[in-house]
Amino acid sequence: MFYVDPPYIKANEKDCMYGKNMCDVTPQEVASEVKKIKGKAIISYDDHPEVRKAFKTFKIEKLTVPYTLARAKDGKSQGKKKELLIKNF
């Protein structure tokens, strides 16, 4: 079983939150690499049209996830966010 947690699109629209050269990874590149895996894979991603398009041949489940540790710049909780759980099985 492989778990893939790529850089989220919405989290990186203004500034890269993942480190140098990590925000240039596209959902299409992630989907292409996951297709090569010889085994089961689960990918967590933000709910974004580009992600849905890249993973249209995969099983996609929509989740509402509480963000309890991540904080906005003002220190407040970010509340609940829509995410996708994507599987190749």
Foldseek 3Di string as FASTA:
>chain_A
DEEAEAQEPVVPPPHDPPDPPRNVDFLLNVLVVVVPDPDKYKYKYADDPRNCVSQVVWDKDKDWAAQDPDADPVRHGPGIGIMIITIRD
